[in-house]
Every structure is written in structure tokens, then in C-alpha cells.
Amino acid sequence: MDPIARKTYYSIGEVSTLTGLKPHVLRYWETQFNVLSPSKNRGGTRVYRMREIETILLVKHLLYEKCFTIEGARKELDKMRTGGEITEVRQLNAEPAMMALIREGLDTLRDTLTLPEEEG
């Protein structure tokens, strides 16, 4: 399965791979950020849309790169939502993260396809 393929719905495992976060972190963030509310399918499994993945990447950016606390990140997200800029910021933040994932996948593929140099 191509982890970068555009789909309508993504499983928590796929989102975990795309974002570099463990599933338990994603589930915890759902309880802490009201902007993260993935739907559930008939079987009760979480299904994420691209909008939720972009929001997860934004939360990750705020927490890990900008060093916000959870409360601070929550307030920042609320401020962005109130100002009407959350959609744009989500997309701008997700683009570099997705490009990094693509680059990482290409590096792995290159390493797999490259023959080892002969010592001689």
C-alpha cells in the first residue's frame, strides 16, 4: 500500500505512519483538542479525512516544534479558528510534512535499489 496515496478515509494505522505519531498519541489528542474528531465507520473504527490529518500535523507542529503546552496549543488553534485562518495554516503546515514523508520514502527506495559497492 502506498502511504501517500490520496484517499477519502484513512485508518488510524495509516495516519500513524503518515504523521510519525503512535496511535495512542492520536487517540489522546482527540480527547484534548476538540478540532480533532475523526468519524467512525460501522465497525466503530476511527476513519480520518485529509482535513483531520492536516490538523494533526498542525498540532504536532505546535507541540513539538513551537514547544506549546497542550493548553497553549488548544488556545492557539481556537485563535486560528476564530480568525478564520485555520484551514490555510493547516494546509501550509501539512505541505512540508508531506514532502518530508515523500522524501523519506524515496530515500528508502533508493537505498533498497542501490547495489552495494564492491570492495576491491
Protein backbone atom coordinates (compact mmCIF):
# COMPACT_ATOMS: atom_id res chain seq x y z
CA MET A 1 0.00 0.00 0.00
CA ASP A 2 1.27 3.45 -0.87
CA PRO A 3 1.08 5.52 2.36
CA ILE A 4 0.96 8.77 0.40
CA ALA A 5 -1.92 7.87 -1.88
CA ARG A 6 -4.86 10.29 -1.70
CA LYS A 7 -7.90 8.58 -0.30
CA THR A 8 -11.16 9.73 1.21
CA TYR A 9 -10.66 7.91 4.52
CA TYR A 10 -7.54 6.75 6.33
CA SER A 11 -7.27 4.26 9.19
CA ILE A 12 -5.53 5.17 12.44
CA GLY A 13 -2.58 2.98 11.38
CA GLU A 14 -2.21 4.85 8.11
CA VAL A 15 -2.46 8.20 9.91
CA SER A 16 0.13 6.99 12.40
CA THR A 17 2.51 6.19 9.53
CA LEU A 18 1.81 9.46 7.71
CA THR A 19 2.30 11.65 10.77
CA GLY A 20 5.02 9.72 12.57
CA LEU A 21 2.87 9.52 15.71
CA LYS A 22 1.81 6.44 17.62
CA PRO A 23 -1.90 5.55 17.61
CA HIS A 24 -2.22 6.11 21.37
CA VAL A 25 -0.96 9.69 20.89
CA LEU A 26 -3.60 10.28 18.21
CA ARG A 27 -6.33 8.92 20.48
CA TYR A 28 -5.11 11.07 23.38
CA TRP A 29 -5.05 14.21 21.23
CA GLU A 30 -8.69 13.55 20.30
CA THR A 31 -9.55 13.98 23.97
CA GLN A 32 -7.51 17.16 24.29
CA PHE A 33 -8.35 19.02 21.05
CA ASN A 34 -11.98 19.41 20.05
CA VAL A 35 -10.91 20.17 16.46
CA LEU A 36 -9.77 16.53 16.20
CA SER A 37 -12.84 14.38 15.87
CA PRO A 38 -12.47 11.61 13.31
CA SER A 39 -15.60 9.79 12.24
CA LYS A 40 -16.15 6.14 13.00
CA ASN A 41 -17.23 3.55 10.47
CA ARG A 42 -19.92 0.91 11.04
CA GLY A 43 -17.44 -1.26 12.89
CA GLY A 44 -16.54 1.57 15.25
CA THR A 45 -13.08 2.06 13.77
CA ARG A 46 -11.77 5.63 13.51
CA VAL A 47 -11.57 6.95 9.98
CA TYR A 48 -9.69 10.16 9.25
CA ARG A 49 -10.15 12.57 6.38
CA MET A 50 -7.33 14.67 4.97
CA ARG A 51 -8.62 17.66 6.98
CA GLU A 52 -8.05 15.76 10.24
CA ILE A 53 -4.58 14.66 9.13
CA GLU A 54 -3.68 18.27 8.34
CA THR A 55 -4.95 19.30 11.78
CA ILE A 56 -2.90 16.54 13.44
CA LEU A 57 0.20 17.80 11.63
CA LEU A 58 -0.59 21.33 12.80
CA VAL A 59 -0.99 20.16 16.42
CA LYS A 60 2.27 18.22 16.11
CA HIS A 61 3.98 21.37 14.81
CA LEU A 62 2.63 23.47 17.66
CA LEU A 63 3.58 20.94 20.34
CA TYR A 64 6.90 19.60 19.06
CA GLU A 65 8.39 22.45 17.05
CA LYS A 66 6.87 25.57 18.61
CA CYS A 67 7.04 23.99 22.11
CA PHE A 68 3.49 24.92 23.11
CA THR A 69 1.88 23.15 26.02
CA ILE A 70 -1.32 21.27 25.24
CA GLU A 71 -3.33 24.13 26.73
CA GLY A 72 -1.31 26.68 24.74
CA ALA A 73 -1.76 24.73 21.51
CA ARG A 74 -5.50 24.45 22.21
CA LYS A 75 -5.74 28.22 22.67
CA GLU A 76 -3.68 28.85 19.52
CA LEU A 77 -5.96 26.55 17.49
CA ASP A 78 -9.04 28.32 18.89
CA LYS A 79 -7.50 31.67 17.98
CA MET A 80 -6.80 30.44 14.43
CA ARG A 81 -10.33 29.07 14.13
CA THR A 82 -11.89 32.31 15.39
CA GLY A 83 -9.74 34.32 12.98
CA GLY A 84 -10.78 32.06 10.11
CA GLU A 85 -7.22 31.14 9.24
CA ILE A 86 -7.04 27.56 10.49
CA THR A 87 -7.75 25.99 7.07
CA GLU A 88 -4.95 27.92 5.40
CA VAL A 89 -2.48 27.32 8.24
CA ARG A 90 -3.36 23.60 8.30
CA GLN A 91 -2.64 23.26 4.60
CA LEU A 92 0.57 25.32 4.72
CA ASN A 93 1.85 23.29 7.66
CA ALA A 94 0.90 19.92 6.14
CA GLU A 95 2.70 20.54 2.85
CA PRO A 96 6.29 20.41 4.22
CA ALA A 97 5.42 17.42 6.42
CA MET A 98 4.03 15.51 3.44
CA MET A 99 7.04 16.46 1.33
CA ALA A 100 9.34 15.16 4.07
CA LEU A 101 7.45 11.86 4.10
CA ILE A 102 7.75 11.59 0.31
CA ARG A 103 11.46 12.39 0.50
CA GLU A 104 11.96 9.77 3.23
CA GLY A 105 10.13 7.18 1.14
CA LEU A 106 12.24 7.99 -1.90
CA ASP A 107 15.45 7.75 0.16
CA THR A 108 14.38 4.33 1.43
CA LEU A 109 13.55 3.21 -2.10
CA ARG A 110 16.91 4.49 -3.40
CA ASP A 111 18.76 2.64 -0.64
CA THR A 112 16.85 -0.53 -1.42
CA LEU A 113 17.57 -0.33 -5.15
CA THR A 114 21.22 0.71 -4.87
CA LEU A 115 23.71 -2.10 -5.25
CA PRO A 116 26.42 -2.25 -2.61
CA GLU A 117 29.84 -1.09 -3.76
CA GLU A 118 32.38 -3.82 -4.28
CA GLU A 119 35.47 -3.61 -2.15
CA GLY A 120 38.47 -4.47 -4.00
